[in-house]
Amino acid sequence: MGLPTEFKTERLEYLKRKAETCFPDNFESLADDDFIVLGKYIQTYSYIELNINRLFNTLRNAGVIKVSSNDRVSIPFIIKKLIFSVHDYVHAVSDIKDVIEKLDEIKFRRDYRNIFAHWAAKKIPDENGIIFLTGDSNDYKKIFGEKMPHGSISYVVFDTNDIHSLCSHMASYEAWIAHFCSAVFDQYNS
């Protein structure tokens, strides 16, 4: 996963260069504020996933979405199914595009949640930046879509202010999916 265009800035390039001078063992421990913002994003996304599952189960139980016994039901699978079948449960044509766009955004931002939750995080010294590192080739392949070079460490750098912005951005999706899920639940359980 490359960073979206909104995060590719001179500042981020500077943080990347600074981080590369610290490899492999000159990073600092995260501060309490860093743990708070990472936890906020992870928990915001966890609540989104709860409601994604709730929506999917409501539609599956109502027979709107079909799943075979061979399907590996995961969040990416569920979101794909919700997008594919949107015409079956969103009845206002004017709302279909909006629902698809919101589900696409939720799907896109999941990789950040996985990085924040599963990769090792360290502070870039004297900067408001965090480097996330992994040696897990499976994580690397899931996010970057290619095999990780043998014996290497993969990393991505974030400005902490960008993580705060991501938290604010995802808060609107957290509220939307909860309300949307409740409306669909009421529609199929009344």
C-alpha atoms as a PDB file:
ATOM      1  CA  MET A   1       0.000   0.000   0.000  1.00  0.00           C
ATOM      2  CA  GLY A   2       1.447   3.288  -0.952  1.00  0.00           C
ATOM      3  CA  LEU A   3       0.339   6.285   0.995  1.00  0.00           C
ATOM      4  CA  PRO A   4      -2.520   8.234  -0.558  1.00  0.00           C
ATOM      5  CA  THR A   5      -1.568  11.396  -2.389  1.00  0.00           C
ATOM      6  CA  GLU A   6      -2.784  13.560   0.487  1.00  0.00           C
ATOM      7  CA  PHE A   7       0.054  12.200   2.638  1.00  0.00           C
ATOM      8  CA  LYS A   8       2.879  12.438   0.081  1.00  0.00           C
ATOM      9  CA  THR A   9       4.388  15.721   1.164  1.00  0.00           C
ATOM     10  CA  GLU A  10       7.815  17.268   1.540  1.00  0.00           C
ATOM     11  CA  ARG A  11       7.394  16.771   5.282  1.00  0.00           C
ATOM     12  CA  LEU A  12       6.823  13.055   4.840  1.00  0.00           C
ATOM     13  CA  GLU A  13       9.831  12.753   2.549  1.00  0.00           C
ATOM     14  CA  TYR A  14      11.895  14.549   5.191  1.00  0.00           C
ATOM     15  CA  LEU A  15      10.638  12.158   7.902  1.00  0.00           C
ATOM     16  CA  LYS A  16      11.482   9.188   5.700  1.00  0.00           C
ATOM     17  CA  ARG A  17      15.048  10.424   5.170  1.00  0.00           C
ATOM     18  CA  LYS A  18      15.407  11.127   8.904  1.00  0.00           C
ATOM     19  CA  ALA A  19      14.083   7.650   9.761  1.00  0.00           C
ATOM     20  CA  GLU A  20      16.519   6.007   7.365  1.00  0.00           C
ATOM     21  CA  THR A  21      19.418   7.602   9.248  1.00  0.00           C
ATOM     22  CA  CYS A  22      18.170   5.963  12.463  1.00  0.00           C
ATOM     23  CA  PHE A  23      18.084   2.373  11.189  1.00  0.00           C
ATOM     24  CA  PRO A  24      18.013  -0.080  12.774  1.00  0.00           C
ATOM     25  CA  ASP A  25      18.243   0.770  16.453  1.00  0.00           C
ATOM     26  CA  ASN A  26      18.202   4.518  17.042  1.00  0.00           C
ATOM     27  CA  PHE A  27      14.467   5.106  17.295  1.00  0.00           C
ATOM     28  CA  GLU A  28      12.699   6.296  20.433  1.00  0.00           C
ATOM     29  CA  SER A  29       9.821   4.773  22.342  1.00  0.00           C
ATOM     30  CA  LEU A  30       6.374   6.129  21.645  1.00  0.00           C
ATOM     31  CA  ALA A  31       5.004   8.809  23.944  1.00  0.00           C
ATOM     32  CA  ASP A  32       1.654   8.440  25.685  1.00  0.00           C
ATOM     33  CA  ASP A  33       0.042  10.787  23.138  1.00  0.00           C
ATOM     34  CA  ASP A  34       1.235   8.502  20.330  1.00  0.00           C
ATOM     35  CA  PHE A  35      -0.353   5.476  21.987  1.00  0.00           C
ATOM     36  CA  ILE A  36      -3.570   7.444  22.425  1.00  0.00           C
ATOM     37  CA  VAL A  37      -3.879   8.455  18.772  1.00  0.00           C
ATOM     38  CA  LEU A  38      -3.009   4.954  17.525  1.00  0.00           C
ATOM     39  CA  GLY A  39      -5.492   3.396  19.943  1.00  0.00           C
ATOM     40  CA  LYS A  40      -8.125   5.897  18.867  1.00  0.00           C
ATOM     41  CA  TYR A  41      -7.747   4.930  15.211  1.00  0.00           C
ATOM     42  CA  ILE A  42      -7.705   1.197  15.967  1.00  0.00           C
ATOM     43  CA  GLN A  43     -10.808   1.412  18.165  1.00  0.00           C
ATOM     44  CA  THR A  44     -12.651   3.667  15.720  1.00  0.00           C
ATOM     45  CA  TYR A  45     -12.009   1.132  12.995  1.00  0.00           C
ATOM     46  CA  SER A  46     -12.949  -1.762  15.280  1.00  0.00           C
ATOM     47  CA  TYR A  47     -16.354  -0.163  15.836  1.00  0.00           C
ATOM     48  CA  ILE A  48     -16.693   0.270  12.069  1.00  0.00           C
ATOM     49  CA  GLU A  49     -15.917  -3.446  11.618  1.00  0.00           C
ATOM     50  CA  LEU A  50     -18.471  -4.355  14.275  1.00  0.00           C
ATOM     51  CA  ASN A  51     -21.157  -2.547  12.296  1.00  0.00           C
ATOM     52  CA  ILE A  52     -19.917  -3.927   8.962  1.00  0.00           C
ATOM     53  CA  ASN A  53     -20.373  -7.423  10.424  1.00  0.00           C
ATOM     54  CA  ARG A  54     -23.755  -6.467  11.866  1.00  0.00           C
ATOM     55  CA  LEU A  55     -24.923  -5.139   8.489  1.00  0.00           C
ATOM     56  CA  PHE A  56     -23.646  -8.218   6.664  1.00  0.00           C
ATOM     57  CA  ASN A  57     -25.290 -10.622   9.128  1.00  0.00           C
ATOM     58  CA  THR A  58     -28.602  -8.756   8.904  1.00  0.00           C
ATOM     59  CA  LEU A  59     -28.570  -8.973   5.105  1.00  0.00           C
ATOM     60  CA  ARG A  60     -27.410 -12.586   5.075  1.00  0.00           C
ATOM     61  CA  ASN A  61     -30.108 -13.615   7.554  1.00  0.00           C
ATOM     62  CA  ALA A  62     -32.707 -11.808   5.404  1.00  0.00           C
ATOM     63  CA  GLY A  63     -31.504 -13.737   2.325  1.00  0.00           C
ATOM     64  CA  VAL A  64     -30.300 -10.586   0.558  1.00  0.00           C
ATOM     65  CA  ILE A  65     -26.671 -11.723   0.523  1.00  0.00           C
ATOM     66  CA  LYS A  66     -25.741 -15.305  -0.249  1.00  0.00           C
ATOM     67  CA  VAL A  67     -22.572 -16.963   0.996  1.00  0.00           C
ATOM     68  CA  SER A  68     -21.318 -20.388  -0.016  1.00  0.00           C
ATOM     69  CA  SER A  69     -19.677 -22.790   2.395  1.00  0.00           C
ATOM     70  CA  ASN A  70     -16.404 -22.332   0.466  1.00  0.00           C
ATOM     71  CA  ASP A  71     -16.307 -18.557   0.987  1.00  0.00           C
ATOM     72  CA  ARG A  72     -13.719 -17.222   3.420  1.00  0.00           C
ATOM     73  CA  VAL A  73     -15.778 -14.635   5.259  1.00  0.00           C
ATOM     74  CA  SER A  74     -13.481 -11.773   6.271  1.00  0.00           C
ATOM     75  CA  ILE A  75     -13.898  -8.008   6.437  1.00  0.00           C
ATOM     76  CA  PRO A  76     -12.545  -7.481   2.881  1.00  0.00           C
ATOM     77  CA  PHE A  77     -14.903 -10.229   1.615  1.00  0.00           C
ATOM     78  CA  ILE A  78     -17.848  -8.729   3.505  1.00  0.00           C
ATOM     79  CA  ILE A  79     -17.247  -5.207   2.188  1.00  0.00           C
ATOM     80  CA  LYS A  80     -16.921  -6.551  -1.349  1.00  0.00           C
ATOM     81  CA  LYS A  81     -20.248  -8.406  -0.942  1.00  0.00           C
ATOM     82  CA  LEU A  82     -21.933  -5.320   0.529  1.00  0.00           C
ATOM     83  CA  ILE A  83     -20.783  -3.213  -2.429  1.00  0.00           C
ATOM     84  CA  PHE A  84     -21.730  -5.855  -4.999  1.00  0.00           C
ATOM     85  CA  SER A  85     -25.248  -6.281  -3.618  1.00  0.00           C
ATOM     86  CA  VAL A  86     -25.926  -2.613  -2.758  1.00  0.00           C
ATOM     87  CA  HIS A  87     -28.801  -2.453  -5.292  1.00  0.00           C
ATOM     88  CA  ASP A  88     -30.576  -5.184  -3.338  1.00  0.00           C
ATOM     89  CA  TYR A  89     -30.768  -3.348  -0.025  1.00  0.00           C
ATOM     90  CA  VAL A  90     -30.463   0.366  -0.840  1.00  0.00           C
ATOM     91  CA  HIS A  91     -33.728   1.247  -2.495  1.00  0.00           C
ATOM     92  CA  ALA A  92     -33.216   4.962  -3.143  1.00  0.00           C
ATOM     93  CA  VAL A  93     -31.197   5.198  -6.340  1.00  0.00           C
ATOM     94  CA  SER A  94     -29.794   8.539  -5.184  1.00  0.00           C
ATOM     95  CA  ASP A  95     -28.215   6.845  -2.131  1.00  0.00           C
ATOM     96  CA  ILE A  96     -26.472   3.973  -3.941  1.00  0.00           C
ATOM     97  CA  LYS A  97     -23.423   5.946  -5.093  1.00  0.00           C
ATOM     98  CA  ASP A  98     -22.963   7.433  -1.606  1.00  0.00           C
ATOM     99  CA  VAL A  99     -23.114   4.025   0.084  1.00  0.00           C
ATOM    100  CA  ILE A 100     -20.606   2.549  -2.380  1.00  0.00           C
ATOM    101  CA  GLU A 101     -18.208   5.466  -1.912  1.00  0.00           C
ATOM    102  CA  LYS A 102     -18.381   5.186   1.870  1.00  0.00           C
ATOM    103  CA  LEU A 103     -17.836   1.423   1.843  1.00  0.00           C
ATOM    104  CA  ASP A 104     -14.900   1.869  -0.564  1.00  0.00           C
ATOM    105  CA  GLU A 105     -13.335   4.418   1.790  1.00  0.00           C
ATOM    106  CA  ILE A 106     -13.793   2.100   4.773  1.00  0.00           C
ATOM    107  CA  LYS A 107     -12.170  -0.718   2.793  1.00  0.00           C
ATOM    108  CA  PHE A 108      -9.272   1.532   1.736  1.00  0.00           C
ATOM    109  CA  ARG A 109      -8.515   2.720   5.285  1.00  0.00           C
ATOM    110  CA  ARG A 110      -8.381  -0.816   6.718  1.00  0.00           C
ATOM    111  CA  ASP A 111      -4.704  -1.187   5.827  1.00  0.00           C
ATOM    112  CA  TYR A 112      -3.896   1.715   8.145  1.00  0.00           C
ATOM    113  CA  ARG A 113      -5.674  -0.024  10.983  1.00  0.00           C
ATOM    114  CA  ASN A 114      -3.633  -3.155  10.300  1.00  0.00           C
ATOM    115  CA  ILE A 115      -0.368  -1.229  10.198  1.00  0.00           C
ATOM    116  CA  PHE A 116      -1.172   0.673  13.411  1.00  0.00           C
ATOM    117  CA  ALA A 117      -2.282  -2.508  15.188  1.00  0.00           C
ATOM    118  CA  HIS A 118       0.224  -5.088  13.951  1.00  0.00           C
ATOM    119  CA  TRP A 119       3.448  -3.349  12.965  1.00  0.00           C
ATOM    120  CA  ALA A 120       6.110  -2.256  15.435  1.00  0.00           C
ATOM    121  CA  ALA A 121       5.917   1.495  16.013  1.00  0.00           C
ATOM    122  CA  LYS A 122       8.765   3.753  17.065  1.00  0.00           C
ATOM    123  CA  LYS A 123       9.185   7.493  17.326  1.00  0.00           C
ATOM    124  CA  ILE A 124      11.524   9.227  14.895  1.00  0.00           C
ATOM    125  CA  PRO A 125      13.956  11.115  17.190  1.00  0.00           C
ATOM    126  CA  ASP A 126      13.282  14.838  17.638  1.00  0.00           C
ATOM    127  CA  GLU A 127      10.319  14.703  15.239  1.00  0.00           C
ATOM    128  CA  ASN A 128       6.554  14.447  15.300  1.00  0.00           C
ATOM    129  CA  GLY A 129       6.734  11.278  13.247  1.00  0.00           C
ATOM    130  CA  ILE A 130       6.331   7.554  13.723  1.00  0.00           C
ATOM    131  CA  ILE A 131       7.905   4.716  11.781  1.00  0.00           C
ATOM    132  CA  PHE A 132       5.997   1.424  11.550  1.00  0.00           C
ATOM    133  CA  LEU A 133       8.137  -1.640  10.852  1.00  0.00           C
ATOM    134  CA  THR A 134       7.449  -5.256  10.022  1.00  0.00           C
ATOM    135  CA  GLY A 135       9.488  -8.312   9.231  1.00  0.00           C
ATOM    136  CA  ASP A 136       6.328 -10.327   8.526  1.00  0.00           C
ATOM    137  CA  SER A 137       6.271 -11.253   4.843  1.00  0.00           C
ATOM    138  CA  ASN A 138       2.529 -12.021   4.978  1.00  0.00           C
ATOM    139  CA  ASP A 139       1.722  -8.519   6.287  1.00  0.00           C
ATOM    140  CA  TYR A 140       3.981  -7.033   3.650  1.00  0.00           C
ATOM    141  CA  LYS A 141       2.310  -8.969   0.831  1.00  0.00           C
ATOM    142  CA  LYS A 142      -1.212  -8.081   2.037  1.00  0.00           C
ATOM    143  CA  ILE A 143      -0.419  -4.385   1.984  1.00  0.00           C
ATOM    144  CA  PHE A 144       2.055  -3.971  -0.859  1.00  0.00           C
ATOM    145  CA  GLY A 145       0.861  -6.832  -3.078  1.00  0.00           C
ATOM    146  CA  GLU A 146       4.298  -8.280  -3.640  1.00  0.00           C
ATOM    147  CA  LYS A 147       6.749 -10.610  -1.977  1.00  0.00           C
ATOM    148  CA  MET A 148       8.982  -9.030   0.656  1.00  0.00           C
ATOM    149  CA  PRO A 149      12.701  -9.340  -0.085  1.00  0.00           C
ATOM    150  CA  HIS A 150      14.329 -12.086   2.006  1.00  0.00           C
ATOM    151  CA  GLY A 151      15.603 -10.930   5.373  1.00  0.00           C
ATOM    152  CA  SER A 152      14.379  -7.388   4.971  1.00  0.00           C
ATOM    153  CA  ILE A 153      12.317  -5.092   7.113  1.00  0.00           C
ATOM    154  CA  SER A 154       9.482  -3.164   5.568  1.00  0.00           C
ATOM    155  CA  TYR A 155       8.456   0.179   6.952  1.00  0.00           C
ATOM    156  CA  VAL A 156       6.160   3.128   6.449  1.00  0.00           C
ATOM    157  CA  VAL A 157       6.493   6.584   7.994  1.00  0.00           C
ATOM    158  CA  PHE A 158       3.678   8.846   9.184  1.00  0.00           C
ATOM    159  CA  ASP A 159       3.591  12.365  10.492  1.00  0.00           C
ATOM    160  CA  THR A 160       1.659  12.131  13.752  1.00  0.00           C
ATOM    161  CA  ASN A 161      -0.544  15.040  12.640  1.00  0.00           C
ATOM    162  CA  ASP A 162      -1.661  12.931   9.657  1.00  0.00           C
ATOM    163  CA  ILE A 163      -2.703  10.134  12.022  1.00  0.00           C
ATOM    164  CA  HIS A 164      -4.767  12.649  14.002  1.00  0.00           C
ATOM    165  CA  SER A 165      -6.379  13.730  10.714  1.00  0.00           C
ATOM    166  CA  LEU A 166      -7.122  10.104   9.837  1.00  0.00           C
ATOM    167  CA  CYS A 167      -8.846   9.681  13.214  1.00  0.00           C
ATOM    168  CA  SER A 168     -11.067  12.680  12.555  1.00  0.00           C
ATOM    169  CA  HIS A 169     -11.767  11.491   9.014  1.00  0.00           C
ATOM    170  CA  MET A 170     -12.767   7.994  10.111  1.00  0.00           C
ATOM    171  CA  ALA A 171     -14.989   9.279  12.929  1.00  0.00           C
ATOM    172  CA  SER A 172     -17.544  10.393  10.339  1.00  0.00           C
ATOM    173  CA  TYR A 173     -17.544   6.884   8.795  1.00  0.00           C
ATOM    174  CA  GLU A 174     -17.879   5.339  12.243  1.00  0.00           C
ATOM    175  CA  ALA A 175     -21.055   7.375  12.855  1.00  0.00           C
ATOM    176  CA  TRP A 176     -22.385   6.785   9.334  1.00  0.00           C
ATOM    177  CA  ILE A 177     -22.022   2.995   9.347  1.00  0.00           C
ATOM    178  CA  ALA A 178     -23.635   2.712  12.796  1.00  0.00           C
ATOM    179  CA  HIS A 179     -26.700   4.720  11.692  1.00  0.00           C
ATOM    180  CA  PHE A 180     -26.858   3.046   8.289  1.00  0.00           C
ATOM    181  CA  CYS A 181     -26.631  -0.397   9.844  1.00  0.00           C
ATOM    182  CA  SER A 182     -29.423   0.410  12.306  1.00  0.00           C
ATOM    183  CA  ALA A 183     -31.665   1.645   9.482  1.00  0.00           C
ATOM    184  CA  VAL A 184     -31.069  -1.526   7.443  1.00  0.00           C
ATOM    185  CA  PHE A 185     -31.577  -3.675  10.543  1.00  0.00           C
ATOM    186  CA  ASP A 186     -34.920  -1.955  11.213  1.00  0.00           C
ATOM    187  CA  GLN A 187     -35.927  -2.367   7.566  1.00  0.00           C
ATOM    188  CA  TYR A 188     -35.390  -6.139   7.646  1.00  0.00           C
ATOM    189  CA  ASN A 189     -36.554  -6.776  11.214  1.00  0.00           C
ATOM    190  CA  SER A 190     -39.799  -4.832  11.423  1.00  0.00           C
END
